Amino acid sequence: MADERIYLVTYDISDQKRWRRVFRIMKGYGRWLQLSVFQCRLTTRRRADLSARLEKEIHHRDDHVLIVDVGPAEKVELKVESLGKSFESVKRQAIII
């Protein structure tokens, strides 16, 4: 899709139960890269849906979510340096929900 963008989403959730709920939400929107880091390829609508779901789940005083807009999905060429375990970039694929 022409309007998809790449986002990196990281989060620091202070409660383990909330962390698991946020993790489950994120699995529906992107690919898990590390403990609390996801790479997402989202349209404007899906990006808004993700934010709304996270807003309802987190405690604003205790938790922190960062959503980094990397750029247009078709034009972004991620350059990642990986130390330790190998890193495989996310490839575009259809997801059936």
N, C-alpha and C. Protein backbone atom coordinates (compact mmCIF):
# COMPACT_ATOMS: atom_id res chain seq x y z
N MET A 1 0.83 -1.19 0.00
CA MET A 1 0.00 0.00 0.00
C MET A 1 0.87 1.24 0.00
N ALA A 2 0.42 2.24 -0.70
CA ALA A 2 1.20 3.45 -0.85
C ALA A 2 1.29 4.27 0.44
N ASP A 3 0.30 4.16 1.31
CA ASP A 3 0.31 5.01 2.51
C ASP A 3 0.85 4.30 3.75
N GLU A 4 1.49 3.15 3.60
CA GLU A 4 2.08 2.48 4.75
C GLU A 4 3.40 3.15 5.13
N ARG A 5 3.64 3.17 6.44
CA ARG A 5 4.88 3.72 6.98
C ARG A 5 5.48 2.68 7.92
N ILE A 6 6.79 2.79 8.13
CA ILE A 6 7.49 1.91 9.06
C ILE A 6 7.58 2.64 10.41
N TYR A 7 7.26 1.90 11.47
CA TYR A 7 7.34 2.44 12.83
C TYR A 7 8.13 1.47 13.69
N LEU A 8 8.93 2.01 14.58
CA LEU A 8 9.54 1.24 15.65
C LEU A 8 8.78 1.61 16.92
N VAL A 9 8.30 0.60 17.61
CA VAL A 9 7.54 0.84 18.84
C VAL A 9 8.30 0.17 19.98
N THR A 10 8.62 0.96 20.99
CA THR A 10 9.28 0.44 22.19
C THR A 10 8.44 0.83 23.38
N TYR A 11 8.51 0.01 24.42
CA TYR A 11 7.70 0.32 25.59
C TYR A 11 8.38 -0.14 26.86
N ASP A 12 8.08 0.59 27.93
CA ASP A 12 8.56 0.28 29.27
C ASP A 12 7.31 0.27 30.14
N ILE A 13 6.84 -0.91 30.49
CA ILE A 13 5.61 -1.09 31.24
C ILE A 13 5.98 -1.59 32.63
N SER A 14 5.51 -0.90 33.66
CA SER A 14 5.96 -1.19 35.02
C SER A 14 5.30 -2.42 35.64
N ASP A 15 4.18 -2.87 35.15
CA ASP A 15 3.47 -4.01 35.71
C ASP A 15 3.53 -5.19 34.74
N GLN A 16 3.87 -6.37 35.23
CA GLN A 16 4.05 -7.54 34.37
C GLN A 16 2.77 -7.93 33.64
N LYS A 17 1.61 -7.85 34.29
CA LYS A 17 0.35 -8.19 33.61
C LYS A 17 0.06 -7.21 32.48
N ARG A 18 0.26 -5.93 32.72
CA ARG A 18 0.06 -4.93 31.67
C ARG A 18 1.07 -5.12 30.55
N TRP A 19 2.32 -5.46 30.91
CA TRP A 19 3.34 -5.70 29.90
C TRP A 19 2.90 -6.81 28.96
N ARG A 20 2.37 -7.92 29.50
CA ARG A 20 1.90 -9.03 28.67
C ARG A 20 0.73 -8.61 27.78
N ARG A 21 -0.18 -7.79 28.30
CA ARG A 21 -1.30 -7.33 27.48
C ARG A 21 -0.81 -6.43 26.36
N VAL A 22 0.14 -5.55 26.65
CA VAL A 22 0.72 -4.68 25.61
C VAL A 22 1.45 -5.52 24.58
N PHE A 23 2.19 -6.52 25.03
CA PHE A 23 2.89 -7.42 24.12
C PHE A 23 1.91 -8.09 23.17
N ARG A 24 0.79 -8.59 23.68
CA ARG A 24 -0.22 -9.24 22.83
C ARG A 24 -0.81 -8.26 21.82
N ILE A 25 -1.06 -7.04 22.26
CA ILE A 25 -1.56 -6.01 21.34
C ILE A 25 -0.55 -5.80 20.22
N MET A 26 0.71 -5.63 20.58
CA MET A 26 1.75 -5.34 19.60
C MET A 26 1.92 -6.48 18.61
N LYS A 27 1.78 -7.73 19.04
CA LYS A 27 1.92 -8.87 18.12
C LYS A 27 0.91 -8.79 16.99
N GLY A 28 -0.22 -8.12 17.20
CA GLY A 28 -1.22 -7.97 16.16
C GLY A 28 -0.91 -6.85 15.17
N TYR A 29 0.13 -6.06 15.45
CA TYR A 29 0.43 -4.91 14.60
C TYR A 29 1.82 -4.95 13.96
N GLY A 30 2.69 -5.80 14.47
CA GLY A 30 4.03 -5.78 13.91
C GLY A 30 4.83 -7.01 14.28
N ARG A 31 6.12 -6.93 13.98
CA ARG A 31 7.03 -8.05 14.23
C ARG A 31 7.88 -7.75 15.46
N TRP A 32 7.93 -8.70 16.35
CA TRP A 32 8.71 -8.60 17.57
C TRP A 32 10.19 -8.70 17.23
N LEU A 33 10.96 -7.67 17.63
CA LEU A 33 12.39 -7.66 17.36
C LEU A 33 13.20 -8.01 18.60
N GLN A 34 12.81 -7.42 19.73
CA GLN A 34 13.49 -7.66 21.00
C GLN A 34 12.47 -7.55 22.11
N LEU A 35 12.90 -7.73 23.35
CA LEU A 35 12.01 -7.80 24.50
C LEU A 35 10.81 -6.84 24.42
N SER A 36 11.05 -5.57 24.28
CA SER A 36 9.96 -4.59 24.22
C SER A 36 10.10 -3.70 23.00
N VAL A 37 10.47 -4.30 21.87
CA VAL A 37 10.67 -3.55 20.63
C VAL A 37 9.97 -4.28 19.48
N PHE A 38 9.16 -3.53 18.73
CA PHE A 38 8.47 -4.08 17.56
C PHE A 38 8.73 -3.18 16.36
N GLN A 39 8.77 -3.81 15.19
CA GLN A 39 8.79 -3.07 13.93
C GLN A 39 7.43 -3.27 13.29
N CYS A 40 6.78 -2.16 12.93
CA CYS A 40 5.43 -2.23 12.38
C CYS A 40 5.37 -1.52 11.03
N ARG A 41 4.60 -2.08 10.15
CA ARG A 41 4.33 -1.47 8.84
C ARG A 41 2.84 -1.17 8.85
N LEU A 42 2.48 0.11 8.97
CA LEU A 42 1.09 0.48 9.24
C LEU A 42 0.57 1.57 8.32
N THR A 43 -0.71 1.47 8.01
CA THR A 43 -1.41 2.56 7.36
C THR A 43 -1.75 3.60 8.43
N THR A 44 -2.22 4.74 8.01
CA THR A 44 -2.61 5.79 8.96
C THR A 44 -3.70 5.29 9.90
N ARG A 45 -4.65 4.56 9.35
CA ARG A 45 -5.75 4.04 10.17
C ARG A 45 -5.26 3.02 11.20
N ARG A 46 -4.42 2.07 10.77
CA ARG A 46 -3.90 1.06 11.71
C ARG A 46 -3.01 1.70 12.76
N ARG A 47 -2.28 2.73 12.38
CA ARG A 47 -1.45 3.46 13.36
C ARG A 47 -2.33 4.09 14.42
N ALA A 48 -3.45 4.70 14.01
CA ALA A 48 -4.38 5.31 14.96
C ALA A 48 -5.02 4.25 15.85
N ASP A 49 -5.39 3.11 15.26
CA ASP A 49 -5.96 2.00 16.04
C ASP A 49 -4.97 1.52 17.10
N LEU A 50 -3.72 1.36 16.71
CA LEU A 50 -2.70 0.91 17.65
C LEU A 50 -2.57 1.89 18.81
N SER A 51 -2.46 3.16 18.50
CA SER A 51 -2.33 4.17 19.56
C SER A 51 -3.51 4.14 20.51
N ALA A 52 -4.72 4.02 19.96
CA ALA A 52 -5.92 4.00 20.79
C ALA A 52 -5.93 2.79 21.73
N ARG A 53 -5.55 1.63 21.21
CA ARG A 53 -5.51 0.43 22.05
C ARG A 53 -4.45 0.54 23.14
N LEU A 54 -3.29 1.08 22.79
CA LEU A 54 -2.24 1.24 23.80
C LEU A 54 -2.63 2.28 24.86
N GLU A 55 -3.26 3.36 24.42
CA GLU A 55 -3.71 4.41 25.36
C GLU A 55 -4.63 3.83 26.42
N LYS A 56 -5.51 2.91 26.02
CA LYS A 56 -6.46 2.30 26.95
C LYS A 56 -5.78 1.34 27.92
N GLU A 57 -4.68 0.75 27.48
CA GLU A 57 -4.03 -0.30 28.27
C GLU A 57 -3.02 0.21 29.29
N ILE A 58 -2.26 1.23 28.92
CA ILE A 58 -1.16 1.65 29.79
C ILE A 58 -1.65 2.55 30.92
N HIS A 59 -0.84 2.65 31.96
CA HIS A 59 -1.04 3.62 33.03
C HIS A 59 -0.11 4.79 32.74
N HIS A 60 -0.68 5.92 32.43
CA HIS A 60 0.10 7.06 31.95
C HIS A 60 1.12 7.58 32.95
N ARG A 61 0.90 7.37 34.20
CA ARG A 61 1.84 7.84 35.23
C ARG A 61 3.04 6.90 35.37
N ASP A 62 2.84 5.61 35.07
CA ASP A 62 3.87 4.60 35.33
C ASP A 62 4.53 4.03 34.09
N ASP A 63 3.86 4.05 32.96
CA ASP A 63 4.33 3.37 31.76
C ASP A 63 4.76 4.37 30.69
N HIS A 64 5.53 3.87 29.72
CA HIS A 64 6.03 4.74 28.66
C HIS A 64 6.08 3.95 27.35
N VAL A 65 5.50 4.51 26.29
CA VAL A 65 5.53 3.91 24.96
C VAL A 65 6.10 4.94 24.00
N LEU A 66 7.05 4.53 23.18
CA LEU A 66 7.60 5.39 22.12
C LEU A 66 7.23 4.79 20.77
N ILE A 67 6.67 5.62 19.90
CA ILE A 67 6.36 5.20 18.53
C ILE A 67 7.18 6.09 17.61
N VAL A 68 8.17 5.49 16.96
CA VAL A 68 9.10 6.23 16.12
C VAL A 68 8.73 6.01 14.66
N ASP A 69 8.39 7.08 13.97
CA ASP A 69 8.04 7.03 12.55
C ASP A 69 9.35 7.05 11.75
N VAL A 70 9.66 5.92 11.13
CA VAL A 70 10.90 5.80 10.37
C VAL A 70 10.76 6.37 8.97
N GLY A 71 9.54 6.29 8.41
CA GLY A 71 9.30 6.86 7.09
C GLY A 71 8.42 5.98 6.23
N PRO A 72 8.21 6.41 4.97
CA PRO A 72 7.36 5.64 4.04
C PRO A 72 7.91 4.24 3.81
N ALA A 73 7.04 3.24 3.93
CA ALA A 73 7.47 1.84 3.85
C ALA A 73 8.16 1.51 2.54
N GLU A 74 7.70 2.07 1.45
CA GLU A 74 8.26 1.74 0.14
C GLU A 74 9.60 2.43 -0.12
N LYS A 75 9.92 3.46 0.66
CA LYS A 75 11.14 4.22 0.41
C LYS A 75 12.22 4.01 1.47
N VAL A 76 11.84 3.45 2.61
CA VAL A 76 12.79 3.28 3.70
C VAL A 76 13.63 2.03 3.47
N GLU A 77 14.92 2.21 3.57
CA GLU A 77 15.83 1.07 3.52
C GLU A 77 16.54 1.04 4.87
N LEU A 78 16.02 0.19 5.76
CA LEU A 78 16.57 0.13 7.11
C LEU A 78 18.01 -0.37 7.09
N LYS A 79 18.84 0.31 7.82
CA LYS A 79 20.22 -0.11 8.00
C LYS A 79 20.37 -0.39 9.49
N VAL A 80 20.54 -1.65 9.82
CA VAL A 80 20.59 -2.07 11.21
C VAL A 80 21.92 -2.72 11.50
N GLU A 81 22.57 -2.29 12.55
CA GLU A 81 23.78 -2.96 13.03
C GLU A 81 23.36 -3.86 14.18
N SER A 82 23.65 -5.13 14.07
CA SER A 82 23.24 -6.09 15.09
C SER A 82 24.47 -6.69 15.73
N LEU A 83 24.56 -6.59 17.04
CA LEU A 83 25.65 -7.18 17.79
C LEU A 83 25.08 -8.37 18.56
N GLY A 84 25.79 -9.46 18.59
CA GLY A 84 25.27 -10.65 19.26
C GLY A 84 24.44 -11.47 18.30
N LYS A 85 23.20 -11.73 18.66
CA LYS A 85 22.31 -12.54 17.82
C LYS A 85 22.11 -11.88 16.47
N SER A 86 21.84 -12.69 15.47
CA SER A 86 21.64 -12.13 14.14
C SER A 86 20.30 -11.42 14.04
N PHE A 87 20.23 -10.47 13.13
CA PHE A 87 19.02 -9.69 12.89
C PHE A 87 18.57 -9.93 11.47
N GLU A 88 17.29 -10.23 11.30
CA GLU A 88 16.72 -10.40 9.97
C GLU A 88 15.65 -9.33 9.79
N SER A 89 15.80 -8.51 8.74
CA SER A 89 14.84 -7.44 8.54
C SER A 89 13.46 -7.99 8.20
N VAL A 90 12.45 -7.22 8.53
CA VAL A 90 11.07 -7.63 8.30
C VAL A 90 10.76 -7.50 6.83
N LYS A 91 10.22 -8.54 6.26
CA LYS A 91 9.83 -8.52 4.85
C LYS A 91 8.33 -8.34 4.75
N ARG A 92 7.89 -7.67 3.69
CA ARG A 92 6.47 -7.43 3.49
C ARG A 92 5.77 -8.76 3.20
N GLN A 93 4.66 -8.96 3.89
CA GLN A 93 3.86 -10.17 3.66
C GLN A 93 2.42 -9.90 4.05
N ALA A 94 1.52 -10.63 3.47
CA ALA A 94 0.11 -10.48 3.80
C ALA A 94 -0.15 -11.12 5.15
N ILE A 95 -0.97 -10.47 5.96
CA ILE A 95 -1.37 -11.00 7.27
C ILE A 95 -2.88 -11.13 7.26
N ILE A 96 -3.34 -12.34 7.52
CA ILE A 96 -4.78 -12.58 7.57
C ILE A 96 -5.22 -12.53 9.01
N ILE A 97 -6.19 -11.67 9.29
CA ILE A 97 -6.68 -11.51 10.66
C ILE A 97 -8.07 -12.09 10.78
